[in-house]
Amino acid sequence: QAYVSYSNIAALTHLAAKPGWEITSTLDDIKIWTHEEGDVLSLKVEMQVKIPSHLAFSLLSDFTIRQQWDKHFLTCEVLQAVNEDEKIYYVTSPPMTGHKPRDFVILVSQRQPCKPSEPYIVAVKSVTLTSMPPSPEYCRSEILCAGFQIYSDSNSSCTVCYFNRVTSGVMPYLAANLTGSSKSIEDTALECMKFLE
């Protein structure tokens, strides 16, 4: 368990530090970047939010309230609280046209910064739990590496970076964005900012 949670945080930190991110879209307070490597596309969404970083961290690390701003989350329940910083959740997503609804079993690891210059981290990856085998009603999907890094800008503002390594499983949700309309990502980011503020 310690290894899995460490590798979860390490994978997100490694993804964030990769060179070669290209900016694809800029709104007032939102920037969207992409990173391509073989058939893996990574996404980074950077948001300027007018709340303290510790508050953003506590709101973004609680996935049970995520459906309040993320329409890709239909339901979310805690399956197992491994410890204070690690929880395993069961998430369902609404069906896309012509597809079964998706479900995910994810480990969410959170870390507070050791130094003021370091970010708060909320890392997400799929895990396998024998108590939650795939069910025929859902298409079990996998999250390779996703999550948030939250940097403090001042006492009352922070920069929230959302990352996702996209596999073909998540593609239907992002297909529209890759054709140049990054509408749904921007919409979700705006909802996230509205929810946080």
N, C-alpha and C. Protein backbone atom coordinates (compact mmCIF):
# COMPACT_ATOMS: atom_id res chain seq x y z
N GLN A 1 0.83 -1.21 0.00
CA GLN A 1 0.00 0.00 0.00
C GLN A 1 0.85 1.25 0.00
N ALA A 2 1.90 1.24 0.82
CA ALA A 2 2.78 2.41 0.88
C ALA A 2 3.40 2.66 -0.48
N TYR A 3 3.79 1.56 -1.15
CA TYR A 3 4.41 1.71 -2.47
C TYR A 3 3.41 2.28 -3.47
N VAL A 4 2.19 1.75 -3.45
CA VAL A 4 1.18 2.20 -4.41
C VAL A 4 0.88 3.68 -4.22
N SER A 5 0.74 4.11 -2.97
CA SER A 5 0.43 5.52 -2.74
C SER A 5 1.62 6.40 -3.10
N TYR A 6 2.83 5.91 -2.84
CA TYR A 6 4.01 6.68 -3.20
C TYR A 6 4.10 6.80 -4.72
N SER A 7 3.85 5.70 -5.42
CA SER A 7 3.99 5.72 -6.88
C SER A 7 2.89 6.59 -7.50
N ASN A 8 1.75 6.68 -6.83
CA ASN A 8 0.66 7.54 -7.29
C ASN A 8 1.11 9.00 -7.30
N ILE A 9 1.66 9.46 -6.17
CA ILE A 9 2.16 10.83 -6.04
C ILE A 9 3.33 11.06 -7.00
N ALA A 10 4.24 10.07 -7.06
CA ALA A 10 5.44 10.21 -7.90
C ALA A 10 5.06 10.32 -9.38
N ALA A 11 4.06 9.54 -9.81
CA ALA A 11 3.65 9.56 -11.22
C ALA A 11 3.11 10.94 -11.60
N LEU A 12 2.33 11.53 -10.70
CA LEU A 12 1.76 12.85 -10.99
C LEU A 12 2.86 13.92 -11.02
N THR A 13 3.77 13.84 -10.05
CA THR A 13 4.87 14.80 -9.98
C THR A 13 5.73 14.71 -11.24
N HIS A 14 5.97 13.47 -11.69
CA HIS A 14 6.77 13.21 -12.87
C HIS A 14 6.07 13.77 -14.12
N LEU A 15 4.77 13.55 -14.22
CA LEU A 15 4.00 14.04 -15.37
C LEU A 15 4.05 15.57 -15.42
N ALA A 16 3.86 16.20 -14.25
CA ALA A 16 3.84 17.67 -14.19
C ALA A 16 5.18 18.26 -14.61
N ALA A 17 6.26 17.53 -14.33
CA ALA A 17 7.61 18.05 -14.59
C ALA A 17 8.11 17.77 -16.00
N LYS A 18 7.35 17.03 -16.79
CA LYS A 18 7.79 16.67 -18.15
C LYS A 18 8.01 17.93 -19.00
N PRO A 19 9.07 17.92 -19.80
CA PRO A 19 9.23 19.03 -20.74
C PRO A 19 8.33 18.81 -21.96
N GLY A 20 8.07 19.88 -22.71
CA GLY A 20 7.34 19.71 -23.97
C GLY A 20 5.84 19.95 -23.89
N TRP A 21 5.34 20.57 -22.83
CA TRP A 21 3.92 20.91 -22.77
C TRP A 21 3.63 22.04 -23.76
N GLU A 22 2.54 21.90 -24.52
CA GLU A 22 2.18 22.94 -25.48
C GLU A 22 0.85 23.56 -25.09
N ILE A 23 0.81 24.88 -25.09
CA ILE A 23 -0.43 25.55 -24.70
C ILE A 23 -1.41 25.54 -25.87
N THR A 24 -2.67 25.16 -25.62
CA THR A 24 -3.63 25.06 -26.71
C THR A 24 -4.76 26.07 -26.58
N SER A 25 -4.95 26.60 -25.39
CA SER A 25 -6.09 27.49 -25.22
C SER A 25 -5.87 28.37 -24.00
N THR A 26 -6.28 29.64 -24.12
CA THR A 26 -6.14 30.56 -22.99
C THR A 26 -7.42 31.35 -22.84
N LEU A 27 -8.05 31.22 -21.68
CA LEU A 27 -9.17 32.10 -21.32
C LEU A 27 -8.63 33.05 -20.25
N ASP A 28 -9.50 33.86 -19.67
CA ASP A 28 -9.02 34.82 -18.67
C ASP A 28 -8.23 34.14 -17.56
N ASP A 29 -8.86 33.19 -16.89
CA ASP A 29 -8.22 32.58 -15.73
C ASP A 29 -7.90 31.10 -15.94
N ILE A 30 -8.03 30.64 -17.19
CA ILE A 30 -7.82 29.20 -17.46
C ILE A 30 -6.87 29.04 -18.64
N LYS A 31 -5.86 28.18 -18.46
CA LYS A 31 -4.98 27.83 -19.58
C LYS A 31 -5.03 26.31 -19.75
N ILE A 32 -5.08 25.86 -20.99
CA ILE A 32 -5.09 24.41 -21.27
C ILE A 32 -3.84 24.05 -22.06
N TRP A 33 -3.14 23.02 -21.59
CA TRP A 33 -1.91 22.56 -22.23
C TRP A 33 -2.08 21.09 -22.61
N THR A 34 -1.35 20.64 -23.63
CA THR A 34 -1.34 19.22 -23.96
C THR A 34 0.10 18.75 -24.11
N HIS A 35 0.27 17.45 -23.96
CA HIS A 35 1.60 16.84 -24.08
C HIS A 35 1.38 15.49 -24.76
N GLU A 36 2.04 15.29 -25.91
CA GLU A 36 1.86 14.02 -26.62
C GLU A 36 3.13 13.20 -26.58
N GLU A 37 2.93 11.92 -26.34
CA GLU A 37 4.06 10.99 -26.27
C GLU A 37 3.56 9.65 -26.79
N GLY A 38 3.93 9.31 -28.02
CA GLY A 38 3.38 8.07 -28.59
C GLY A 38 1.87 8.19 -28.68
N ASP A 39 1.16 7.18 -28.18
CA ASP A 39 -0.31 7.25 -28.25
C ASP A 39 -0.91 7.73 -26.92
N VAL A 40 -0.06 8.29 -26.07
CA VAL A 40 -0.56 8.81 -24.80
C VAL A 40 -0.62 10.33 -24.87
N LEU A 41 -1.80 10.85 -24.63
CA LEU A 41 -1.98 12.30 -24.62
C LEU A 41 -2.19 12.73 -23.18
N SER A 42 -1.44 13.72 -22.74
CA SER A 42 -1.64 14.24 -21.40
C SER A 42 -2.21 15.65 -21.49
N LEU A 43 -2.97 15.97 -20.48
CA LEU A 43 -3.69 17.23 -20.47
C LEU A 43 -3.36 17.96 -19.18
N LYS A 44 -3.22 19.27 -19.27
CA LYS A 44 -2.99 20.07 -18.07
C LYS A 44 -3.90 21.30 -18.16
N VAL A 45 -4.66 21.52 -17.11
CA VAL A 45 -5.54 22.69 -17.07
C VAL A 45 -5.11 23.53 -15.87
N GLU A 46 -4.78 24.78 -16.15
CA GLU A 46 -4.28 25.65 -15.08
C GLU A 46 -5.33 26.72 -14.78
N MET A 47 -5.73 26.83 -13.51
CA MET A 47 -6.79 27.77 -13.12
C MET A 47 -6.29 28.71 -12.04
N GLN A 48 -6.61 29.98 -12.18
CA GLN A 48 -6.29 30.96 -11.13
C GLN A 48 -7.53 31.11 -10.26
N VAL A 49 -7.41 30.77 -8.98
CA VAL A 49 -8.59 30.73 -8.12
C VAL A 49 -8.41 31.67 -6.92
N LYS A 50 -9.47 32.39 -6.59
CA LYS A 50 -9.36 33.41 -5.53
C LYS A 50 -9.75 32.86 -4.15
N ILE A 51 -9.11 31.77 -3.76
CA ILE A 51 -9.26 31.26 -2.39
C ILE A 51 -7.89 30.77 -1.94
N PRO A 52 -7.65 30.66 -0.62
CA PRO A 52 -6.34 30.17 -0.15
C PRO A 52 -6.10 28.72 -0.60
N SER A 53 -4.83 28.38 -0.79
CA SER A 53 -4.48 27.05 -1.32
C SER A 53 -4.94 25.92 -0.40
N HIS A 54 -4.86 26.11 0.93
CA HIS A 54 -5.25 25.01 1.83
C HIS A 54 -6.75 24.71 1.71
N LEU A 55 -7.54 25.75 1.40
CA LEU A 55 -8.98 25.55 1.25
C LEU A 55 -9.29 24.82 -0.07
N ALA A 56 -8.60 25.21 -1.13
CA ALA A 56 -8.76 24.52 -2.42
C ALA A 56 -8.38 23.05 -2.26
N PHE A 57 -7.32 22.80 -1.50
CA PHE A 57 -6.84 21.44 -1.28
C PHE A 57 -7.91 20.61 -0.56
N SER A 58 -8.52 21.18 0.48
CA SER A 58 -9.50 20.38 1.23
C SER A 58 -10.76 20.12 0.38
N LEU A 59 -11.11 21.06 -0.50
CA LEU A 59 -12.30 20.86 -1.35
C LEU A 59 -12.01 19.88 -2.49
N LEU A 60 -10.81 19.96 -3.07
CA LEU A 60 -10.50 19.11 -4.22
C LEU A 60 -10.09 17.70 -3.82
N SER A 61 -9.67 17.52 -2.57
CA SER A 61 -9.24 16.17 -2.17
C SER A 61 -10.43 15.33 -1.68
N ASP A 62 -11.59 15.95 -1.50
CA ASP A 62 -12.79 15.19 -1.10
C ASP A 62 -13.61 14.86 -2.34
N PHE A 63 -13.43 13.65 -2.84
CA PHE A 63 -14.08 13.29 -4.10
C PHE A 63 -15.58 13.05 -3.96
N THR A 64 -16.07 12.92 -2.70
CA THR A 64 -17.51 12.69 -2.54
C THR A 64 -18.32 13.94 -2.91
N ILE A 65 -17.66 15.11 -2.99
CA ILE A 65 -18.40 16.32 -3.39
C ILE A 65 -18.06 16.72 -4.83
N ARG A 66 -17.32 15.86 -5.52
CA ARG A 66 -16.86 16.25 -6.86
C ARG A 66 -18.00 16.38 -7.86
N GLN A 67 -19.07 15.57 -7.67
CA GLN A 67 -20.15 15.69 -8.66
C GLN A 67 -20.86 17.03 -8.59
N GLN A 68 -20.56 17.82 -7.55
CA GLN A 68 -21.14 19.17 -7.49
C GLN A 68 -20.60 20.07 -8.60
N TRP A 69 -19.41 19.72 -9.12
CA TRP A 69 -18.87 20.57 -10.19
C TRP A 69 -18.43 19.80 -11.43
N ASP A 70 -18.24 18.48 -11.32
CA ASP A 70 -17.75 17.70 -12.46
C ASP A 70 -18.85 16.79 -12.98
N LYS A 71 -19.38 17.11 -14.16
CA LYS A 71 -20.52 16.33 -14.67
C LYS A 71 -20.11 14.93 -15.13
N HIS A 72 -18.80 14.65 -15.15
CA HIS A 72 -18.35 13.29 -15.49
C HIS A 72 -18.47 12.35 -14.29
N PHE A 73 -18.74 12.93 -13.12
CA PHE A 73 -18.93 12.11 -11.91
C PHE A 73 -20.42 12.01 -11.64
N LEU A 74 -20.97 10.82 -11.80
CA LEU A 74 -22.39 10.64 -11.51
C LEU A 74 -22.56 10.29 -10.03
N THR A 75 -21.81 9.28 -9.57
CA THR A 75 -21.83 8.92 -8.15
C THR A 75 -20.38 8.69 -7.72
N CYS A 76 -20.15 8.82 -6.42
CA CYS A 76 -18.82 8.57 -5.89
C CYS A 76 -18.96 8.16 -4.43
N GLU A 77 -18.45 6.98 -4.10
CA GLU A 77 -18.52 6.55 -2.70
C GLU A 77 -17.15 6.07 -2.24
N VAL A 78 -16.89 6.24 -0.94
CA VAL A 78 -15.63 5.76 -0.39
C VAL A 78 -15.76 4.26 -0.13
N LEU A 79 -14.88 3.48 -0.73
CA LEU A 79 -14.88 2.03 -0.48
C LEU A 79 -14.02 1.70 0.72
N GLN A 80 -12.94 2.45 0.85
CA GLN A 80 -11.96 2.12 1.89
C GLN A 80 -11.15 3.37 2.21
N ALA A 81 -11.10 3.73 3.48
CA ALA A 81 -10.19 4.80 3.89
C ALA A 81 -8.93 4.10 4.36
N VAL A 82 -7.90 4.11 3.52
CA VAL A 82 -6.68 3.37 3.83
C VAL A 82 -5.99 4.01 5.03
N ASN A 83 -5.88 5.35 5.00
CA ASN A 83 -5.38 6.13 6.13
C ASN A 83 -5.84 7.57 5.90
N GLU A 84 -5.31 8.51 6.66
CA GLU A 84 -5.77 9.90 6.55
C GLU A 84 -5.57 10.46 5.15
N ASP A 85 -4.50 10.01 4.49
CA ASP A 85 -4.13 10.61 3.21
C ASP A 85 -4.49 9.78 1.99
N GLU A 86 -5.01 8.57 2.20
CA GLU A 86 -5.32 7.70 1.06
C GLU A 86 -6.75 7.18 1.20
N LYS A 87 -7.51 7.33 0.13
CA LYS A 87 -8.85 6.72 0.12
C LYS A 87 -9.06 6.03 -1.21
N ILE A 88 -9.82 4.94 -1.17
CA ILE A 88 -10.21 4.27 -2.41
C ILE A 88 -11.69 4.55 -2.65
N TYR A 89 -11.99 5.05 -3.85
CA TYR A 89 -13.36 5.43 -4.19
C TYR A 89 -13.89 4.58 -5.33
N TYR A 90 -15.21 4.44 -5.34
CA TYR A 90 -15.88 3.84 -6.49
C TYR A 90 -16.68 4.94 -7.17
N VAL A 91 -16.39 5.16 -8.46
CA VAL A 91 -16.99 6.27 -9.20
C VAL A 91 -17.75 5.73 -10.41
N THR A 92 -18.93 6.28 -10.67
CA THR A 92 -19.61 5.96 -11.93
C THR A 92 -19.75 7.24 -12.75
N SER A 93 -19.69 7.07 -14.07
CA SER A 93 -19.82 8.20 -14.99
C SER A 93 -21.06 8.00 -15.85
N PRO A 94 -21.70 9.09 -16.26
CA PRO A 94 -22.89 8.95 -17.10
C PRO A 94 -22.52 8.35 -18.46
N PRO A 95 -23.45 7.64 -19.09
CA PRO A 95 -23.14 7.03 -20.39
C PRO A 95 -22.99 8.08 -21.48
N MET A 96 -22.07 7.83 -22.40
CA MET A 96 -21.98 8.64 -23.61
C MET A 96 -22.89 7.97 -24.63
N THR A 97 -23.30 8.70 -25.64
CA THR A 97 -24.19 8.14 -26.65
C THR A 97 -23.61 6.84 -27.20
N GLY A 98 -24.41 5.79 -27.15
CA GLY A 98 -23.98 4.52 -27.72
C GLY A 98 -22.99 3.73 -26.88
N HIS A 99 -22.71 4.22 -25.67
CA HIS A 99 -21.78 3.50 -24.79
C HIS A 99 -22.47 3.16 -23.47
N LYS A 100 -21.98 2.09 -22.83
CA LYS A 100 -22.46 1.80 -21.47
C LYS A 100 -21.89 2.86 -20.54
N PRO A 101 -22.55 3.12 -19.38
CA PRO A 101 -21.91 4.02 -18.42
C PRO A 101 -20.60 3.41 -17.94
N ARG A 102 -19.68 4.27 -17.55
CA ARG A 102 -18.36 3.78 -17.12
C ARG A 102 -18.29 3.74 -15.60
N ASP A 103 -17.42 2.88 -15.10
CA ASP A 103 -17.13 2.94 -13.67
C ASP A 103 -15.63 2.81 -13.44
N PHE A 104 -15.21 3.30 -12.29
CA PHE A 104 -13.79 3.37 -11.95
C PHE A 104 -13.61 2.99 -10.48
N VAL A 105 -12.53 2.29 -10.18
CA VAL A 105 -12.10 2.13 -8.78
C VAL A 105 -10.78 2.87 -8.69
N ILE A 106 -10.76 3.95 -7.90
CA ILE A 106 -9.57 4.81 -7.90
C ILE A 106 -8.99 4.99 -6.49
N LEU A 107 -7.68 5.10 -6.46
CA LEU A 107 -6.98 5.47 -5.24
C LEU A 107 -6.68 6.96 -5.33
N VAL A 108 -7.08 7.70 -4.31
CA VAL A 108 -6.77 9.13 -4.25
C VAL A 108 -5.79 9.35 -3.10
N SER A 109 -4.60 9.85 -3.44
CA SER A 109 -3.56 10.11 -2.43
C SER A 109 -3.39 11.61 -2.31
N GLN A 110 -3.35 12.11 -1.09
CA GLN A 110 -3.15 13.55 -0.92
C GLN A 110 -1.92 13.83 -0.08
N ARG A 111 -1.24 14.93 -0.39
CA ARG A 111 -0.03 15.31 0.34
C ARG A 111 -0.03 16.81 0.56
N GLN A 112 0.36 17.22 1.78
CA GLN A 112 0.53 18.64 2.05
C GLN A 112 1.99 18.98 1.73
N PRO A 113 2.24 20.24 1.37
CA PRO A 113 3.63 20.61 1.02
C PRO A 113 4.53 20.63 2.25
N CYS A 114 5.80 20.29 2.05
CA CYS A 114 6.78 20.37 3.15
C CYS A 114 7.34 21.78 3.23
N LYS A 115 7.42 22.46 2.06
CA LYS A 115 7.94 23.83 2.02
C LYS A 115 6.91 24.72 1.34
N PRO A 116 6.88 26.03 1.65
CA PRO A 116 5.88 26.93 1.05
C PRO A 116 5.91 26.94 -0.47
N SER A 117 7.09 26.69 -1.06
CA SER A 117 7.19 26.75 -2.53
C SER A 117 6.61 25.49 -3.20
N GLU A 118 6.38 24.45 -2.41
CA GLU A 118 5.88 23.19 -2.98
C GLU A 118 4.36 23.20 -3.04
N PRO A 119 3.80 22.41 -3.98
CA PRO A 119 2.34 22.39 -4.10
C PRO A 119 1.69 21.38 -3.16
N TYR A 120 0.41 21.62 -2.87
CA TYR A 120 -0.44 20.55 -2.34
C TYR A 120 -0.68 19.59 -3.50
N ILE A 121 -0.76 18.30 -3.20
CA ILE A 121 -0.94 17.32 -4.28
C ILE A 121 -2.13 16.41 -3.98
N VAL A 122 -2.96 16.20 -5.00
CA VAL A 122 -4.03 15.20 -4.93
C VAL A 122 -3.84 14.32 -6.16
N ALA A 123 -3.39 13.08 -5.96
CA ALA A 123 -3.07 12.20 -7.09
C ALA A 123 -4.10 11.08 -7.20
N VAL A 124 -4.40 10.70 -8.43
CA VAL A 124 -5.45 9.71 -8.70
C VAL A 124 -4.95 8.65 -9.65
N LYS A 125 -5.21 7.38 -9.33
CA LYS A 125 -4.94 6.31 -10.30
C LYS A 125 -5.90 5.15 -10.02
N SER A 126 -6.16 4.37 -11.06
CA SER A 126 -7.03 3.21 -10.88
C SER A 126 -6.31 2.11 -10.12
N VAL A 127 -7.08 1.39 -9.29
CA VAL A 127 -6.53 0.22 -8.60
C VAL A 127 -7.53 -0.93 -8.77
N THR A 128 -7.08 -2.13 -8.44
CA THR A 128 -7.95 -3.30 -8.53
C THR A 128 -8.32 -3.73 -7.11
N LEU A 129 -9.60 -3.91 -6.88
CA LEU A 129 -10.05 -4.40 -5.58
C LEU A 129 -10.87 -5.66 -5.83
N THR A 130 -10.50 -6.75 -5.16
CA THR A 130 -11.25 -8.00 -5.39
C THR A 130 -12.70 -7.84 -4.96
N SER A 131 -12.95 -6.95 -3.99
CA SER A 131 -14.33 -6.76 -3.51
C SER A 131 -15.19 -5.98 -4.51
N MET A 132 -14.55 -5.38 -5.55
CA MET A 132 -15.29 -4.62 -6.55
C MET A 132 -14.96 -5.09 -7.95
N PRO A 133 -15.37 -6.32 -8.30
CA PRO A 133 -15.08 -6.78 -9.66
C PRO A 133 -15.92 -6.00 -10.67
N PRO A 134 -15.50 -5.97 -11.94
CA PRO A 134 -16.29 -5.29 -12.96
C PRO A 134 -17.70 -5.89 -13.04
N SER A 135 -18.69 -5.04 -13.31
CA SER A 135 -20.06 -5.55 -13.45
C SER A 135 -20.51 -5.37 -14.89
N PRO A 136 -21.43 -6.25 -15.35
CA PRO A 136 -21.85 -6.19 -16.75
C PRO A 136 -22.57 -4.90 -17.12
N GLU A 137 -23.11 -4.19 -16.12
CA GLU A 137 -23.85 -2.96 -16.45
C GLU A 137 -22.91 -1.82 -16.83
N TYR A 138 -21.65 -1.90 -16.38
CA TYR A 138 -20.72 -0.80 -16.59
C TYR A 138 -19.53 -1.23 -17.42
N CYS A 139 -18.91 -0.28 -18.05
CA CYS A 139 -17.64 -0.51 -18.73
C CYS A 139 -16.55 -0.04 -17.76
N ARG A 140 -15.82 -1.00 -17.18
CA ARG A 140 -14.78 -0.64 -16.20
C ARG A 140 -13.65 0.09 -16.92
N SER A 141 -13.34 1.29 -16.47
CA SER A 141 -12.33 2.11 -17.14
C SER A 141 -11.17 2.38 -16.20
N GLU A 142 -10.08 2.81 -16.80
CA GLU A 142 -8.86 2.96 -16.00
C GLU A 142 -8.33 4.39 -16.10
N ILE A 143 -7.90 4.92 -14.97
CA ILE A 143 -7.20 6.20 -14.94
C ILE A 143 -5.73 5.89 -14.68
N LEU A 144 -4.89 6.22 -15.65
CA LEU A 144 -3.45 5.93 -15.50
C LEU A 144 -2.83 6.85 -14.46
N CYS A 145 -3.11 8.14 -14.62
CA CYS A 145 -2.49 9.12 -13.75
C CYS A 145 -3.25 10.42 -13.94
N ALA A 146 -3.77 10.95 -12.85
CA ALA A 146 -4.49 12.22 -12.91
C ALA A 146 -4.37 12.89 -11.56
N GLY A 147 -4.86 14.12 -11.47
CA GLY A 147 -4.87 14.76 -10.16
C GLY A 147 -4.61 16.25 -10.23
N PHE A 148 -4.39 16.82 -9.05
CA PHE A 148 -4.23 18.26 -8.92
C PHE A 148 -2.92 18.61 -8.22
N GLN A 149 -2.33 19.72 -8.66
CA GLN A 149 -1.27 20.36 -7.90
C GLN A 149 -1.78 21.76 -7.60
N ILE A 150 -1.68 22.18 -6.33
CA ILE A 150 -2.23 23.47 -5.93
C ILE A 150 -1.10 24.31 -5.34
N TYR A 151 -0.80 25.42 -6.01
CA TYR A 151 0.28 26.31 -5.58
C TYR A 151 -0.32 27.56 -4.94
N SER A 152 0.24 27.96 -3.81
CA SER A 152 -0.22 29.19 -3.16
C SER A 152 0.36 30.40 -3.87
N ASP A 153 -0.50 31.35 -4.25
CA ASP A 153 -0.02 32.59 -4.87
C ASP A 153 0.03 33.71 -3.84
N SER A 154 -0.96 33.72 -2.95
CA SER A 154 -1.00 34.71 -1.88
C SER A 154 -1.88 34.13 -0.78
N ASN A 155 -2.18 34.89 0.26
CA ASN A 155 -3.04 34.39 1.33
C ASN A 155 -4.46 34.10 0.85
N SER A 156 -4.83 34.75 -0.28
CA SER A 156 -6.23 34.61 -0.71
C SER A 156 -6.37 34.11 -2.14
N SER A 157 -5.27 33.62 -2.73
CA SER A 157 -5.39 33.11 -4.09
C SER A 157 -4.40 31.98 -4.32
N CYS A 158 -4.73 31.12 -5.30
CA CYS A 158 -3.85 30.00 -5.60
C CYS A 158 -3.99 29.62 -7.07
N THR A 159 -3.03 28.84 -7.54
CA THR A 159 -3.08 28.30 -8.90
C THR A 159 -3.36 26.80 -8.77
N VAL A 160 -4.44 26.35 -9.40
CA VAL A 160 -4.80 24.93 -9.38
C VAL A 160 -4.46 24.35 -10.74
N CYS A 161 -3.61 23.32 -10.77
CA CYS A 161 -3.29 22.64 -12.03
C CYS A 161 -3.90 21.25 -11.99
N TYR A 162 -4.72 20.94 -12.99
CA TYR A 162 -5.31 19.61 -13.09
C TYR A 162 -4.57 18.86 -14.20
N PHE A 163 -4.19 17.62 -13.94
CA PHE A 163 -3.49 16.81 -14.93
C PHE A 163 -4.26 15.53 -15.21
N ASN A 164 -4.16 15.05 -16.45
CA ASN A 164 -4.73 13.74 -16.77
C ASN A 164 -3.95 13.13 -17.92
N ARG A 165 -3.46 11.90 -17.70
CA ARG A 165 -2.88 11.14 -18.82
C ARG A 165 -4.02 10.39 -19.46
N VAL A 166 -4.27 10.69 -20.71
CA VAL A 166 -5.48 10.18 -21.35
C VAL A 166 -5.19 8.89 -22.09
N THR A 167 -5.98 7.87 -21.78
CA THR A 167 -5.90 6.63 -22.54
C THR A 167 -7.12 6.56 -23.42
N SER A 168 -7.19 5.54 -24.25
CA SER A 168 -8.34 5.41 -25.15
C SER A 168 -9.64 5.32 -24.35
N GLY A 169 -9.57 4.86 -23.08
CA GLY A 169 -10.77 4.74 -22.26
C GLY A 169 -11.44 6.06 -21.96
N VAL A 170 -10.63 7.11 -21.86
CA VAL A 170 -11.19 8.41 -21.52
C VAL A 170 -11.46 9.22 -22.79
N MET A 171 -10.99 8.67 -23.93
CA MET A 171 -11.08 9.40 -25.19
C MET A 171 -12.46 9.95 -25.56
N PRO A 172 -13.55 9.15 -25.39
CA PRO A 172 -14.85 9.70 -25.81
C PRO A 172 -15.14 11.05 -25.17
N TYR A 173 -14.70 11.22 -23.92
CA TYR A 173 -14.98 12.48 -23.23
C TYR A 173 -14.15 13.62 -23.81
N LEU A 174 -13.01 13.27 -24.42
CA LEU A 174 -12.10 14.32 -24.86
C LEU A 174 -12.07 14.47 -26.37
N ALA A 175 -12.74 13.57 -27.08
CA ALA A 175 -12.68 13.59 -28.54
C ALA A 175 -13.01 14.98 -29.07
N ALA A 176 -14.03 15.60 -28.51
CA ALA A 176 -14.45 16.93 -28.97
C ALA A 176 -13.33 17.94 -28.78
N ASN A 177 -12.59 17.77 -27.69
CA ASN A 177 -11.54 18.75 -27.40
C ASN A 177 -10.39 18.64 -28.36
N LEU A 178 -10.15 17.43 -28.86
CA LEU A 178 -8.98 17.24 -29.71
C LEU A 178 -9.25 17.79 -31.10
N THR A 179 -10.53 17.99 -31.45
CA THR A 179 -10.83 18.54 -32.76
C THR A 179 -10.76 20.06 -32.71
N GLY A 180 -10.29 20.59 -31.60
CA GLY A 180 -10.06 22.02 -31.54
C GLY A 180 -11.08 22.75 -30.70
N SER A 181 -12.17 22.07 -30.34
CA SER A 181 -13.11 22.77 -29.45
C SER A 181 -12.87 22.24 -28.04
N SER A 182 -12.24 23.04 -27.22
CA SER A 182 -11.93 22.55 -25.87
C SER A 182 -13.03 22.99 -24.92
N LYS A 183 -14.25 22.99 -25.43
CA LYS A 183 -15.39 23.52 -24.70
C LYS A 183 -15.64 22.76 -23.40
N SER A 184 -15.70 21.41 -23.47
CA SER A 184 -16.12 20.69 -22.26
C SER A 184 -15.06 20.78 -21.16
N ILE A 185 -13.78 20.83 -21.56
CA ILE A 185 -12.73 20.99 -20.55
C ILE A 185 -12.85 22.37 -19.91
N GLU A 186 -13.06 23.39 -20.76
CA GLU A 186 -13.18 24.75 -20.23
C GLU A 186 -14.42 24.87 -19.34
N ASP A 187 -15.52 24.26 -19.78
CA ASP A 187 -16.75 24.30 -18.98
C ASP A 187 -16.51 23.68 -17.60
N THR A 188 -15.86 22.51 -17.60
CA THR A 188 -15.60 21.82 -16.33
C THR A 188 -14.68 22.67 -15.45
N ALA A 189 -13.68 23.29 -16.07
CA ALA A 189 -12.75 24.14 -15.30
C ALA A 189 -13.49 25.34 -14.71
N LEU A 190 -14.38 25.94 -15.50
CA LEU A 190 -15.16 27.08 -15.00
C LEU A 190 -16.07 26.66 -13.84
N GLU A 191 -16.69 25.48 -13.98
CA GLU A 191 -17.53 24.95 -12.89
C GLU A 191 -16.70 24.71 -11.64
N CYS A 192 -15.51 24.19 -11.84
CA CYS A 192 -14.61 23.91 -10.71
C CYS A 192 -14.26 25.22 -10.00
N MET A 193 -13.91 26.26 -10.77
CA MET A 193 -13.55 27.54 -10.17
C MET A 193 -14.73 28.16 -9.43
N LYS A 194 -15.91 28.06 -10.05
CA LYS A 194 -17.12 28.62 -9.44
C LYS A 194 -17.38 27.93 -8.10
N PHE A 195 -17.24 26.59 -8.11
CA PHE A 195 -17.46 25.78 -6.91
C PHE A 195 -16.44 26.17 -5.82
N LEU A 196 -15.17 26.32 -6.19
CA LEU A 196 -14.13 26.63 -5.20
C LEU A 196 -14.32 28.01 -4.61
N GLU A 197 -14.70 28.97 -5.48
CA GLU A 197 -14.78 30.35 -4.99
C GLU A 197 -16.11 30.62 -4.30
